[in-house]
Amino acid sequence: MRRQSWRELLAFVIMSLAALGLSVPWSLGHKIFFPSEALIKFFEPWARLLLGPPE
């Protein structure tokens, strides 16, 4: 492995483990927290303010 590739490999491993950690309980039927839900709840009022109500 090249000397520069270890950072990319580490990032890939961390993201893969995080995805696995979220997907296994979700596939077993447990309710888990998704970060995207929090982002939607935060940005939705701003989007309605700037863009108006959805059509």
PDB file of N, CA and C in Angstrom:
ATOM      1  N   MET A   1       0.848  -1.170   0.000  1.00  0.00           N
ATOM      2  CA  MET A   1       0.000   0.000   0.000  1.00  0.00           C
ATOM      3  C   MET A   1       0.897   1.238   0.000  1.00  0.00           C
ATOM      4  N   ARG A   2       0.504   2.164  -0.807  1.00  0.00           N
ATOM      5  CA  ARG A   2       1.296   3.392  -0.856  1.00  0.00           C
ATOM      6  C   ARG A   2       1.209   4.155   0.453  1.00  0.00           C
ATOM      7  N   ARG A   3       2.190   4.942   0.695  1.00  0.00           N
ATOM      8  CA  ARG A   3       2.280   5.685   1.951  1.00  0.00           C
ATOM      9  C   ARG A   3       1.127   6.677   2.122  1.00  0.00           C
ATOM     10  N   GLN A   4       0.595   7.216   1.056  1.00  0.00           N
ATOM     11  CA  GLN A   4      -0.450   8.232   1.134  1.00  0.00           C
ATOM     12  C   GLN A   4      -1.852   7.640   1.265  1.00  0.00           C
ATOM     13  N   SER A   5      -2.027   6.364   1.005  1.00  0.00           N
ATOM     14  CA  SER A   5      -3.364   5.773   0.945  1.00  0.00           C
ATOM     15  C   SER A   5      -3.959   5.432   2.301  1.00  0.00           C
ATOM     16  N   TRP A   6      -3.208   5.466   3.350  1.00  0.00           N
ATOM     17  CA  TRP A   6      -3.740   5.016   4.627  1.00  0.00           C
ATOM     18  C   TRP A   6      -4.852   5.918   5.137  1.00  0.00           C
ATOM     19  N   ARG A   7      -4.814   7.200   4.793  1.00  0.00           N
ATOM     20  CA  ARG A   7      -5.883   8.109   5.236  1.00  0.00           C
ATOM     21  C   ARG A   7      -7.204   7.756   4.576  1.00  0.00           C
ATOM     22  N   GLU A   8      -7.152   7.499   3.292  1.00  0.00           N
ATOM     23  CA  GLU A   8      -8.372   7.127   2.575  1.00  0.00           C
ATOM     24  C   GLU A   8      -8.905   5.781   3.064  1.00  0.00           C
ATOM     25  N   LEU A   9      -8.016   4.856   3.326  1.00  0.00           N
ATOM     26  CA  LEU A   9      -8.437   3.556   3.837  1.00  0.00           C
ATOM     27  C   LEU A   9      -9.067   3.696   5.220  1.00  0.00           C
ATOM     28  N   LEU A  10      -8.495   4.501   6.070  1.00  0.00           N
ATOM     29  CA  LEU A  10      -9.045   4.730   7.403  1.00  0.00           C
ATOM     30  C   LEU A  10     -10.426   5.382   7.324  1.00  0.00           C
ATOM     31  N   ALA A  11     -10.586   6.369   6.459  1.00  0.00           N
ATOM     32  CA  ALA A  11     -11.888   7.017   6.290  1.00  0.00           C
ATOM     33  C   ALA A  11     -12.922   6.022   5.784  1.00  0.00           C
ATOM     34  N   PHE A  12     -12.526   5.174   4.839  1.00  0.00           N
ATOM     35  CA  PHE A  12     -13.441   4.170   4.305  1.00  0.00           C
ATOM     36  C   PHE A  12     -13.850   3.170   5.383  1.00  0.00           C
ATOM     37  N   VAL A  13     -12.913   2.717   6.186  1.00  0.00           N
ATOM     38  CA  VAL A  13     -13.211   1.745   7.237  1.00  0.00           C
ATOM     39  C   VAL A  13     -14.145   2.358   8.283  1.00  0.00           C
ATOM     40  N   ILE A  14     -13.893   3.597   8.691  1.00  0.00           N
ATOM     41  CA  ILE A  14     -14.737   4.249   9.691  1.00  0.00           C
ATOM     42  C   ILE A  14     -16.153   4.433   9.161  1.00  0.00           C
ATOM     43  N   MET A  15     -16.286   4.875   7.935  1.00  0.00           N
ATOM     44  CA  MET A  15     -17.620   5.077   7.361  1.00  0.00           C
ATOM     45  C   MET A  15     -18.337   3.751   7.143  1.00  0.00           C
ATOM     46  N   SER A  16     -17.616   2.721   6.764  1.00  0.00           N
ATOM     47  CA  SER A  16     -18.232   1.411   6.583  1.00  0.00           C
ATOM     48  C   SER A  16     -18.713   0.834   7.909  1.00  0.00           C
ATOM     49  N   LEU A  17     -17.915   0.973   8.961  1.00  0.00           N
ATOM     50  CA  LEU A  17     -18.328   0.490  10.278  1.00  0.00           C
ATOM     51  C   LEU A  17     -19.528   1.273  10.813  1.00  0.00           C
ATOM     52  N   ALA A  18     -19.569   2.574  10.559  1.00  0.00           N
ATOM     53  CA  ALA A  18     -20.714   3.378  10.982  1.00  0.00           C
ATOM     54  C   ALA A  18     -21.976   2.939  10.241  1.00  0.00           C
ATOM     55  N   ALA A  19     -21.859   2.688   8.947  1.00  0.00           N
ATOM     56  CA  ALA A  19     -23.013   2.227   8.167  1.00  0.00           C
ATOM     57  C   ALA A  19     -23.470   0.852   8.641  1.00  0.00           C
ATOM     58  N   LEU A  20     -22.541  -0.016   8.921  1.00  0.00           N
ATOM     59  CA  LEU A  20     -22.896  -1.346   9.427  1.00  0.00           C
ATOM     60  C   LEU A  20     -23.556  -1.239  10.793  1.00  0.00           C
ATOM     61  N   GLY A  21     -23.024  -0.383  11.638  1.00  0.00           N
ATOM     62  CA  GLY A  21     -23.582  -0.199  12.967  1.00  0.00           C
ATOM     63  C   GLY A  21     -25.001   0.355  12.945  1.00  0.00           C
ATOM     64  N   LEU A  22     -25.331   1.157  11.939  1.00  0.00           N
ATOM     65  CA  LEU A  22     -26.690   1.683  11.819  1.00  0.00           C
ATOM     66  C   LEU A  22     -27.622   0.722  11.101  1.00  0.00           C
ATOM     67  N   SER A  23     -27.113  -0.023  10.147  1.00  0.00           N
ATOM     68  CA  SER A  23     -27.993  -0.851   9.322  1.00  0.00           C
ATOM     69  C   SER A  23     -28.412  -2.156   9.992  1.00  0.00           C
ATOM     70  N   VAL A  24     -27.562  -2.730  10.825  1.00  0.00           N
ATOM     71  CA  VAL A  24     -27.921  -4.004  11.465  1.00  0.00           C
ATOM     72  C   VAL A  24     -29.102  -3.842  12.420  1.00  0.00           C
ATOM     73  N   PRO A  25     -29.087  -2.902  13.362  1.00  0.00           N
ATOM     74  CA  PRO A  25     -30.270  -2.760  14.225  1.00  0.00           C
ATOM     75  C   PRO A  25     -31.525  -2.348  13.441  1.00  0.00           C
ATOM     76  N   TRP A  26     -31.333  -1.515  12.418  1.00  0.00           N
ATOM     77  CA  TRP A  26     -32.474  -1.074  11.608  1.00  0.00           C
ATOM     78  C   TRP A  26     -33.099  -2.251  10.879  1.00  0.00           C
ATOM     79  N   SER A  27     -32.286  -3.150  10.348  1.00  0.00           N
ATOM     80  CA  SER A  27     -32.814  -4.310   9.626  1.00  0.00           C
ATOM     81  C   SER A  27     -33.494  -5.303  10.565  1.00  0.00           C
ATOM     82  N   LEU A  28     -33.144  -5.264  11.846  1.00  0.00           N
ATOM     83  CA  LEU A  28     -33.786  -6.129  12.830  1.00  0.00           C
ATOM     84  C   LEU A  28     -35.069  -5.522  13.391  1.00  0.00           C
ATOM     85  N   GLY A  29     -35.441  -4.336  12.918  1.00  0.00           N
ATOM     86  CA  GLY A  29     -36.698  -3.727  13.303  1.00  0.00           C
ATOM     87  C   GLY A  29     -36.619  -2.742  14.444  1.00  0.00           C
ATOM     88  N   HIS A  30     -35.431  -2.390  14.876  1.00  0.00           N
ATOM     89  CA  HIS A  30     -35.291  -1.418  15.964  1.00  0.00           C
ATOM     90  C   HIS A  30     -35.355  -0.004  15.406  1.00  0.00           C
ATOM     91  N   LYS A  31     -35.933   0.894  16.170  1.00  0.00           N
ATOM     92  CA  LYS A  31     -35.977   2.303  15.777  1.00  0.00           C
ATOM     93  C   LYS A  31     -34.647   2.934  16.150  1.00  0.00           C
ATOM     94  N   ILE A  32     -33.956   3.486  15.172  1.00  0.00           N
ATOM     95  CA  ILE A  32     -32.671   4.129  15.429  1.00  0.00           C
ATOM     96  C   ILE A  32     -32.719   5.558  14.933  1.00  0.00           C
ATOM     97  N   PHE A  33     -31.806   6.357  15.404  1.00  0.00           N
ATOM     98  CA  PHE A  33     -31.710   7.759  15.021  1.00  0.00           C
ATOM     99  C   PHE A  33     -30.939   7.885  13.712  1.00  0.00           C
ATOM    100  N   PHE A  34     -31.545   8.562  12.743  1.00  0.00           N
ATOM    101  CA  PHE A  34     -30.862   8.858  11.497  1.00  0.00           C
ATOM    102  C   PHE A  34     -30.500  10.338  11.492  1.00  0.00           C
ATOM    103  N   PRO A  35     -29.257  10.681  11.255  1.00  0.00           N
ATOM    104  CA  PRO A  35     -28.861  12.096  11.248  1.00  0.00           C
ATOM    105  C   PRO A  35     -29.609  12.913  10.193  1.00  0.00           C
ATOM    106  N   SER A  36     -30.010  12.291   9.111  1.00  0.00           N
ATOM    107  CA  SER A  36     -30.717  13.032   8.067  1.00  0.00           C
ATOM    108  C   SER A  36     -32.066  13.544   8.556  1.00  0.00           C
ATOM    109  N   GLU A  37     -32.715  12.830   9.477  1.00  0.00           N
ATOM    110  CA  GLU A  37     -33.989  13.287  10.020  1.00  0.00           C
ATOM    111  C   GLU A  37     -33.805  14.587  10.793  1.00  0.00           C
ATOM    112  N   ALA A  38     -32.745  14.687  11.557  1.00  0.00           N
ATOM    113  CA  ALA A  38     -32.471  15.910  12.312  1.00  0.00           C
ATOM    114  C   ALA A  38     -32.176  17.069  11.363  1.00  0.00           C
ATOM    115  N   LEU A  39     -31.452  16.810  10.303  1.00  0.00           N
ATOM    116  CA  LEU A  39     -31.154  17.859   9.330  1.00  0.00           C
ATOM    117  C   LEU A  39     -32.419  18.343   8.634  1.00  0.00           C
ATOM    118  N   ILE A  40     -33.309  17.410   8.297  1.00  0.00           N
ATOM    119  CA  ILE A  40     -34.569  17.796   7.654  1.00  0.00           C
ATOM    120  C   ILE A  40     -35.404  18.652   8.594  1.00  0.00           C
ATOM    121  N   LYS A  41     -35.504  18.246   9.858  1.00  0.00           N
ATOM    122  CA  LYS A  41     -36.282  19.024  10.825  1.00  0.00           C
ATOM    123  C   LYS A  41     -35.693  20.410  11.042  1.00  0.00           C
ATOM    124  N   PHE A  42     -34.382  20.527  10.939  1.00  0.00           N
ATOM    125  CA  PHE A  42     -33.737  21.820  11.135  1.00  0.00           C
ATOM    126  C   PHE A  42     -33.907  22.732   9.919  1.00  0.00           C
ATOM    127  N   PHE A  43     -33.736  22.186   8.704  1.00  0.00           N
ATOM    128  CA  PHE A  43     -33.719  23.025   7.512  1.00  0.00           C
ATOM    129  C   PHE A  43     -35.088  23.217   6.860  1.00  0.00           C
ATOM    130  N   GLU A  44     -36.066  22.408   7.200  1.00  0.00           N
ATOM    131  CA  GLU A  44     -37.373  22.526   6.557  1.00  0.00           C
ATOM    132  C   GLU A  44     -38.033  23.883   6.803  1.00  0.00           C
ATOM    133  N   PRO A  45     -38.044  24.415   8.035  1.00  0.00           N
ATOM    134  CA  PRO A  45     -38.630  25.755   8.207  1.00  0.00           C
ATOM    135  C   PRO A  45     -37.899  26.838   7.409  1.00  0.00           C
ATOM    136  N   TRP A  46     -36.582  26.713   7.324  1.00  0.00           N
ATOM    137  CA  TRP A  46     -35.823  27.687   6.542  1.00  0.00           C
ATOM    138  C   TRP A  46     -36.175  27.604   5.063  1.00  0.00           C
ATOM    139  N   ALA A  47     -36.347  26.388   4.567  1.00  0.00           N
ATOM    140  CA  ALA A  47     -36.698  26.218   3.162  1.00  0.00           C
ATOM    141  C   ALA A  47     -38.083  26.782   2.877  1.00  0.00           C
ATOM    142  N   ARG A  48     -39.026  26.560   3.789  1.00  0.00           N
ATOM    143  CA  ARG A  48     -40.379  27.116   3.594  1.00  0.00           C
ATOM    144  C   ARG A  48     -40.345  28.637   3.639  1.00  0.00           C
ATOM    145  N   LEU A  49     -39.520  29.186   4.501  1.00  0.00           N
ATOM    146  CA  LEU A  49     -39.404  30.643   4.600  1.00  0.00           C
ATOM    147  C   LEU A  49     -38.832  31.233   3.321  1.00  0.00           C
ATOM    148  N   LEU A  50     -37.794  30.597   2.793  1.00  0.00           N
ATOM    149  CA  LEU A  50     -37.126  31.132   1.601  1.00  0.00           C
ATOM    150  C   LEU A  50     -37.840  30.793   0.303  1.00  0.00           C
ATOM    151  N   LEU A  51     -38.383  29.575   0.198  1.00  0.00           N
ATOM    152  CA  LEU A  51     -38.949  29.117  -1.068  1.00  0.00           C
ATOM    153  C   LEU A  51     -40.468  29.132  -1.099  1.00  0.00           C
ATOM    154  N   GLY A  52     -41.093  29.255   0.047  1.00  0.00           N
ATOM    155  CA  GLY A  52     -42.544  29.205   0.108  1.00  0.00           C
ATOM    156  C   GLY A  52     -43.018  27.788   0.325  1.00  0.00           C
ATOM    157  N   PRO A  53     -44.331  27.610   0.459  1.00  0.00           N
ATOM    158  CA  PRO A  53     -44.854  26.257   0.694  1.00  0.00           C
ATOM    159  C   PRO A  53     -44.665  25.366  -0.535  1.00  0.00           C
ATOM    160  N   PRO A  54     -44.578  24.050  -0.323  1.00  0.00           N
ATOM    161  CA  PRO A  54     -44.425  23.143  -1.482  1.00  0.00           C
ATOM    162  C   PRO A  54     -45.685  23.153  -2.328  1.00  0.00           C
ATOM    163  N   GLU A  55     -45.483  22.962  -3.612  1.00  0.00           N
ATOM    164  CA  GLU A  55     -46.619  22.983  -4.552  1.00  0.00           C
ATOM    165  C   GLU A  55     -47.195  21.628  -4.757  1.00  0.00           C
TER     166      GLU A  55
END
